[in-house]
């Protein structure tokens, strides 16, 4: 018997870091995935993945027993780049386990079962990555017990992702902000307010784009951007983007750009040896 599951990556349009402190965030599920195949075997559970390490094994063992299973992991998501690769893995393995058991589970139950895996990676994540990976589309999300989310219209334009080539560590960056939370409170509040403005103009790239730039500037002010991320934002703007920002916890990772015609930016990125690709919003069902 074999079980299969899939989890989608994500990009946060607005709200990184502020979402940890009760402000809302807007995130989209993207059409890049992690796939998990789960089957029974004799002996210790074996995990096969191009990105497997002890942390991945420990995380998967929150759902998969330490004995008796083979776990195959495939992904086309950049790993440790702020695109929700750990959440996609968590959602995929939960769905694979349910599929193996012949169980049909709703997206909210997928989120419930996947969150312990996500916590093993990131300590105290907001939950936005798992929520959008499981539900798809574009979500307004607010942390809580329970978390609150609602569907929003998807952005109207293609998105180009520029990969800095630098790993980011979500837990470390969140801790860095937490250590100076009092100093960063005005910027975090401003990010939260910006999210509400962005939610009203998702179908208007000329209005949404500058809000992405404003969000990036606020993230830079709290110390989570890098010179390379800033340079990629500038590159995107020079090649026709309506707006661009780092996506994820920062300290590395990716930049996302909202752009009418991606080809000029993709060519400019290639010329600078920057890995770049387009993304579309993934909708469940």
Protein backbone atom coordinates (compact mmCIF):
# COMPACT_ATOMS: atom_id res chain seq x y z
CA UNK A 1 0.00 0.00 0.00
CA UNK A 2 1.14 3.53 -0.81
CA UNK A 3 -0.06 6.94 0.33
CA UNK A 4 0.59 10.15 -1.55
CA UNK A 5 0.27 13.76 -0.53
CA UNK A 6 1.15 17.21 -1.83
CA UNK A 7 1.74 20.56 -0.18
CA UNK A 8 2.10 23.91 -1.94
CA UNK A 9 4.65 26.62 -1.31
CA UNK A 10 3.71 30.16 -0.45
CA UNK A 11 4.70 33.80 -0.71
CA UNK A 12 3.71 36.44 1.82
CA UNK A 13 2.50 39.54 0.00
CA UNK A 14 2.45 41.67 3.15
CA UNK A 15 2.89 41.12 6.87
CA UNK A 16 6.08 39.21 7.67
CA UNK A 17 7.17 39.42 11.31
CA UNK A 18 4.19 41.59 12.27
CA UNK A 19 1.99 38.48 11.93
CA UNK A 20 3.91 36.90 14.83
CA UNK A 21 2.56 39.66 17.11
CA UNK A 22 -1.12 39.46 16.23
CA UNK A 23 -1.20 41.64 13.14
CA UNK A 24 -2.70 40.18 9.95
CA UNK A 25 -0.77 38.99 6.92
CA UNK A 26 -1.69 38.26 3.31
CA UNK A 27 -0.22 35.14 1.73
CA UNK A 28 -0.68 33.28 -1.54
CA UNK A 29 -0.24 29.60 -2.33
CA UNK A 30 2.02 29.10 -5.36
CA UNK A 31 2.11 26.49 -8.08
CA UNK A 32 5.29 24.85 -6.76
CA UNK A 33 4.98 21.85 -4.50
CA UNK A 34 6.49 19.24 -2.24
CA UNK A 35 5.27 15.68 -2.84
CA UNK A 36 5.48 12.85 -0.33
CA UNK A 37 5.05 9.14 -1.03
CA UNK A 38 4.59 6.96 2.03
CA UNK A 39 4.76 3.16 2.07
CA UNK A 40 5.28 0.41 4.60
CA UNK A 41 8.63 -1.36 5.04
CA UNK A 42 10.33 -3.60 7.58
CA UNK A 43 12.68 -2.00 10.07
CA UNK A 44 13.39 1.63 10.86
CA UNK A 45 11.57 4.35 8.98
CA UNK A 46 13.70 5.57 6.07
CA UNK A 47 13.44 9.07 4.63
CA UNK A 48 14.68 9.64 1.10
CA UNK A 49 14.94 13.24 -0.03
CA UNK A 50 17.52 15.47 -1.75
CA UNK A 51 17.28 17.79 1.27
CA UNK A 52 17.00 15.30 4.13
CA UNK A 53 18.83 15.96 7.38
CA UNK A 54 18.29 15.11 11.05
CA UNK A 55 15.91 18.03 11.48
CA UNK A 56 13.73 16.80 8.60
CA UNK A 57 13.71 13.26 10.02
CA UNK A 58 12.78 14.52 13.48
CA UNK A 59 10.00 16.67 12.04
CA UNK A 60 8.52 13.86 9.99
CA UNK A 61 8.57 11.54 12.99
CA UNK A 62 5.98 13.77 14.66
CA UNK A 63 3.53 12.18 12.16
CA UNK A 64 5.25 9.06 10.82
CA UNK A 65 6.30 6.35 13.33
CA UNK A 66 10.03 5.72 13.71
CA UNK A 67 9.56 2.13 12.54
CA UNK A 68 7.92 0.58 9.54
CA UNK A 69 7.73 3.24 6.84
CA UNK A 70 9.53 4.50 3.74
CA UNK A 71 9.14 8.22 3.04
CA UNK A 72 10.00 9.61 -0.41
CA UNK A 73 10.16 13.40 -0.67
CA UNK A 74 10.35 15.40 -3.91
CA UNK A 75 10.11 19.16 -4.31
CA UNK A 76 10.49 21.95 -6.84
CA UNK A 77 10.45 24.59 -4.10
CA UNK A 78 13.63 26.41 -3.13
CA UNK A 79 14.48 25.12 0.35
CA UNK A 80 15.26 27.56 3.19
CA UNK A 81 14.35 30.52 1.02
CA UNK A 82 11.15 31.80 2.64
CA UNK A 83 8.70 30.05 0.31
CA UNK A 84 7.20 27.76 2.93
CA UNK A 85 9.11 24.58 2.06
CA UNK A 86 8.78 23.21 5.60
CA UNK A 87 5.02 23.90 5.66
CA UNK A 88 4.62 22.29 2.24
CA UNK A 89 6.46 19.23 3.55
CA UNK A 90 4.27 19.13 6.66
CA UNK A 91 1.06 19.36 4.62
CA UNK A 92 2.28 16.76 2.12
CA UNK A 93 3.20 14.17 4.75
CA UNK A 94 -0.08 14.66 6.63
CA UNK A 95 -2.00 14.10 3.41
CA UNK A 96 0.14 11.09 2.50
CA UNK A 97 -0.48 9.53 5.94
CA UNK A 98 -4.22 10.08 5.56
CA UNK A 99 -4.17 8.67 2.03
CA UNK A 100 -2.34 5.56 3.24
CA UNK A 101 -5.03 5.07 5.88
CA UNK A 102 -7.83 5.60 3.35
CA UNK A 103 -8.94 8.73 5.21
CA UNK A 104 -10.35 11.89 3.63
CA UNK A 105 -9.49 15.02 5.64
CA UNK A 106 -10.54 18.63 5.21
CA UNK A 107 -8.03 21.46 4.89
CA UNK A 108 -8.59 22.66 8.48
CA UNK A 109 -7.75 19.20 9.82
CA UNK A 110 -4.65 19.10 7.60
CA UNK A 111 -3.55 22.37 9.23
CA UNK A 112 -4.19 20.98 12.72
CA UNK A 113 -2.09 17.87 12.07
CA UNK A 114 0.67 19.71 10.18
CA UNK A 115 1.33 22.42 12.79
CA UNK A 116 3.41 20.18 15.15
CA UNK A 117 5.74 19.48 12.23
CA UNK A 118 6.02 23.18 11.43
CA UNK A 119 6.75 23.95 15.10
CA UNK A 120 9.57 21.43 15.10
CA UNK A 121 11.21 23.48 12.35
CA UNK A 122 10.49 27.02 13.54
CA UNK A 123 9.67 27.00 17.25
CA UNK A 124 6.59 29.24 17.43
CA UNK A 125 5.47 29.97 13.86
CA UNK A 126 2.40 32.07 13.17
CA UNK A 127 0.77 29.27 11.17
CA UNK A 128 0.23 31.31 8.02
CA UNK A 129 2.49 29.08 5.90
CA UNK A 130 0.63 25.89 6.79
CA UNK A 131 -2.78 27.54 6.40
CA UNK A 132 -2.15 28.84 2.90
CA UNK A 133 -0.41 25.61 1.81
CA UNK A 134 -3.43 23.57 2.87
CA UNK A 135 -6.21 25.92 1.72
CA UNK A 136 -4.67 27.46 -1.42
CA UNK A 137 -5.54 30.77 -3.03
CA UNK A 138 -4.90 34.13 -1.38
CA UNK A 139 -5.56 34.31 2.36
CA UNK A 140 -5.90 37.07 4.92
CA UNK A 141 -4.53 35.45 8.08
CA UNK A 142 -4.39 36.45 11.72
CA UNK A 143 -2.68 34.39 14.39
CA UNK A 144 -4.80 33.27 17.34
CA UNK A 145 -6.33 30.31 19.14
CA UNK A 146 -7.86 29.51 16.81
CA UNK A 147 -6.25 31.39 13.95
CA UNK A 148 -8.56 33.37 11.69
CA UNK A 149 -8.35 33.40 7.93
CA UNK A 150 -10.49 34.37 4.97
CA UNK A 151 -10.10 34.13 1.23
CA UNK A 152 -9.23 37.22 -0.79
CA UNK A 153 -9.07 37.89 -4.54
CA UNK A 154 -5.77 36.80 -6.02
CA UNK A 155 -3.31 39.43 -7.34
CA UNK A 156 -3.94 40.22 -10.98
CA UNK A 157 -0.37 40.00 -12.32
CA UNK A 158 2.31 37.32 -12.62
CA UNK A 159 4.91 37.19 -9.87
CA UNK A 160 8.62 36.78 -10.48
CA UNK A 161 10.68 35.21 -7.70
CA UNK A 162 14.37 36.14 -7.46
CA UNK A 163 16.48 33.77 -5.35
CA UNK A 164 19.32 35.39 -3.41
CA UNK A 165 21.12 32.06 -3.05
CA UNK A 166 21.38 32.78 0.67
CA UNK A 167 19.69 30.45 3.16
CA UNK A 168 17.50 32.07 5.76
CA UNK A 169 16.67 30.75 9.22
CA UNK A 170 13.15 31.75 10.22
CA UNK A 171 13.57 30.99 13.92
CA UNK A 172 16.79 33.03 14.14
CA UNK A 173 15.31 36.04 12.35
CA UNK A 174 12.12 35.95 14.43
CA UNK A 175 14.25 35.82 17.58
CA UNK A 176 16.33 38.77 16.40
CA UNK A 177 13.20 40.87 15.99
CA UNK A 178 11.81 39.66 19.32
CA UNK A 179 14.94 40.78 21.16
CA UNK A 180 14.21 44.37 20.09
CA UNK A 181 10.45 44.18 19.92
CA UNK A 182 9.92 47.43 21.82
CA UNK A 183 12.16 49.31 19.38
CA UNK A 184 10.47 47.70 16.38
CA UNK A 185 6.87 48.13 17.59
CA UNK A 186 6.14 51.21 15.40
CA UNK A 187 7.38 49.44 12.27
CA UNK A 188 5.45 46.25 13.11
CA UNK A 189 2.29 48.31 13.67
CA UNK A 190 2.87 50.04 10.34
CA UNK A 191 3.20 46.68 8.58
CA UNK A 192 -0.09 45.57 10.12
CA UNK A 193 -1.84 48.71 8.89
CA UNK A 194 -0.30 48.27 5.46
CA UNK A 195 -1.78 44.77 5.21
CA UNK A 196 -5.27 46.20 5.55
CA UNK A 197 -4.57 48.71 2.80
CA UNK A 198 -3.20 45.98 0.54
CA UNK A 199 -6.22 43.73 1.04
CA UNK A 200 -8.40 46.40 -0.61
CA UNK A 201 -6.36 46.66 -3.83
CA UNK A 202 -5.19 43.16 -4.76
CA UNK A 203 -6.71 43.58 -8.23
CA UNK A 204 -4.98 46.93 -8.80
CA UNK A 205 -1.24 46.40 -9.38
CA UNK A 206 -0.50 50.12 -9.72
CA UNK A 207 -1.77 50.66 -6.17
CA UNK A 208 -0.56 47.35 -4.69
CA UNK A 209 2.98 47.62 -6.05
CA UNK A 210 4.04 50.66 -3.99
CA UNK A 211 2.63 48.98 -0.88
CA UNK A 212 5.00 46.06 -1.46
CA UNK A 213 7.88 48.51 -1.64
CA UNK A 214 6.70 50.17 1.56
CA UNK A 215 6.52 46.77 3.25
CA UNK A 216 10.08 46.03 2.15
CA UNK A 217 11.32 49.33 3.53
CA UNK A 218 9.70 48.56 6.89
CA UNK A 219 11.27 45.10 6.95
CA UNK A 220 14.61 46.68 6.15
CA UNK A 221 14.13 49.09 9.05
CA UNK A 222 13.81 46.20 11.52
CA UNK A 223 17.02 44.65 10.22
CA UNK A 224 15.84 41.57 8.36
CA UNK A 225 16.78 42.56 4.83
CA UNK A 226 20.27 42.24 3.34
CA UNK A 227 22.24 44.18 0.75
CA UNK A 228 21.63 41.43 -1.79
CA UNK A 229 17.87 41.43 -1.19
CA UNK A 230 17.77 45.22 -1.48
CA UNK A 231 19.71 45.04 -4.76
CA UNK A 232 17.25 42.49 -6.17
CA UNK A 233 14.32 44.73 -5.24
CA UNK A 234 16.03 47.58 -7.11
CA UNK A 235 16.70 45.30 -10.10
CA UNK A 236 13.01 44.38 -10.24
CA UNK A 237 11.95 48.02 -10.18
CA UNK A 238 14.45 48.91 -12.92
CA UNK A 239 12.88 46.27 -15.17
CA UNK A 240 9.24 47.23 -14.91
CA UNK A 241 7.94 45.83 -11.65
CA UNK A 242 5.02 47.62 -10.02
CA UNK A 243 6.51 46.65 -6.67
CA UNK A 244 8.88 44.18 -5.02
CA UNK A 245 9.85 43.04 -1.54
CA UNK A 246 11.64 40.31 0.33
CA UNK A 247 9.32 37.39 1.00
CA UNK A 248 9.67 35.45 4.22
CA UNK A 249 11.63 35.98 7.40
CA UNK A 250 14.58 37.67 5.65
CA UNK A 251 18.29 37.41 6.29
CA UNK A 252 18.44 35.73 2.88
CA UNK A 253 15.82 33.92 0.85
CA UNK A 254 13.88 35.40 -2.04
CA UNK A 255 12.44 38.62 -3.42
CA UNK A 256 9.03 38.64 -5.09
CA UNK A 257 8.15 41.14 -7.80
CA UNK A 258 4.71 42.05 -9.16
CA UNK A 259 5.27 42.66 -12.85
CA UNK A 260 3.26 43.03 -16.06
CA UNK A 261 5.83 41.48 -18.44
CA UNK A 262 8.30 39.16 -16.68
CA UNK A 263 10.70 38.57 -19.59
CA UNK A 264 12.91 41.64 -19.15
CA UNK A 265 13.40 40.95 -15.45
CA UNK A 266 14.05 37.25 -16.00
CA UNK A 267 16.70 38.07 -18.62
CA UNK A 268 18.34 40.65 -16.34
CA UNK A 269 18.43 38.12 -13.52
CA UNK A 270 20.02 35.47 -15.75
CA UNK A 271 22.67 37.96 -16.83
CA UNK A 272 23.59 38.41 -13.15
CA UNK A 273 23.49 34.67 -12.35
CA UNK A 274 20.39 35.11 -10.20
CA UNK A 275 18.02 32.16 -10.28
CA UNK A 276 14.59 33.58 -11.15
CA UNK A 277 11.24 32.10 -12.11
CA UNK A 278 7.57 33.01 -12.42
CA UNK A 279 4.83 31.86 -10.05
CA UNK A 280 1.08 31.64 -10.32
CA UNK A 281 -1.45 31.40 -7.52
CA UNK A 282 -2.61 27.86 -6.81
CA UNK A 283 -6.28 27.36 -5.99
CA UNK A 284 -7.51 24.16 -4.36
CA UNK A 285 -10.05 22.08 -6.25
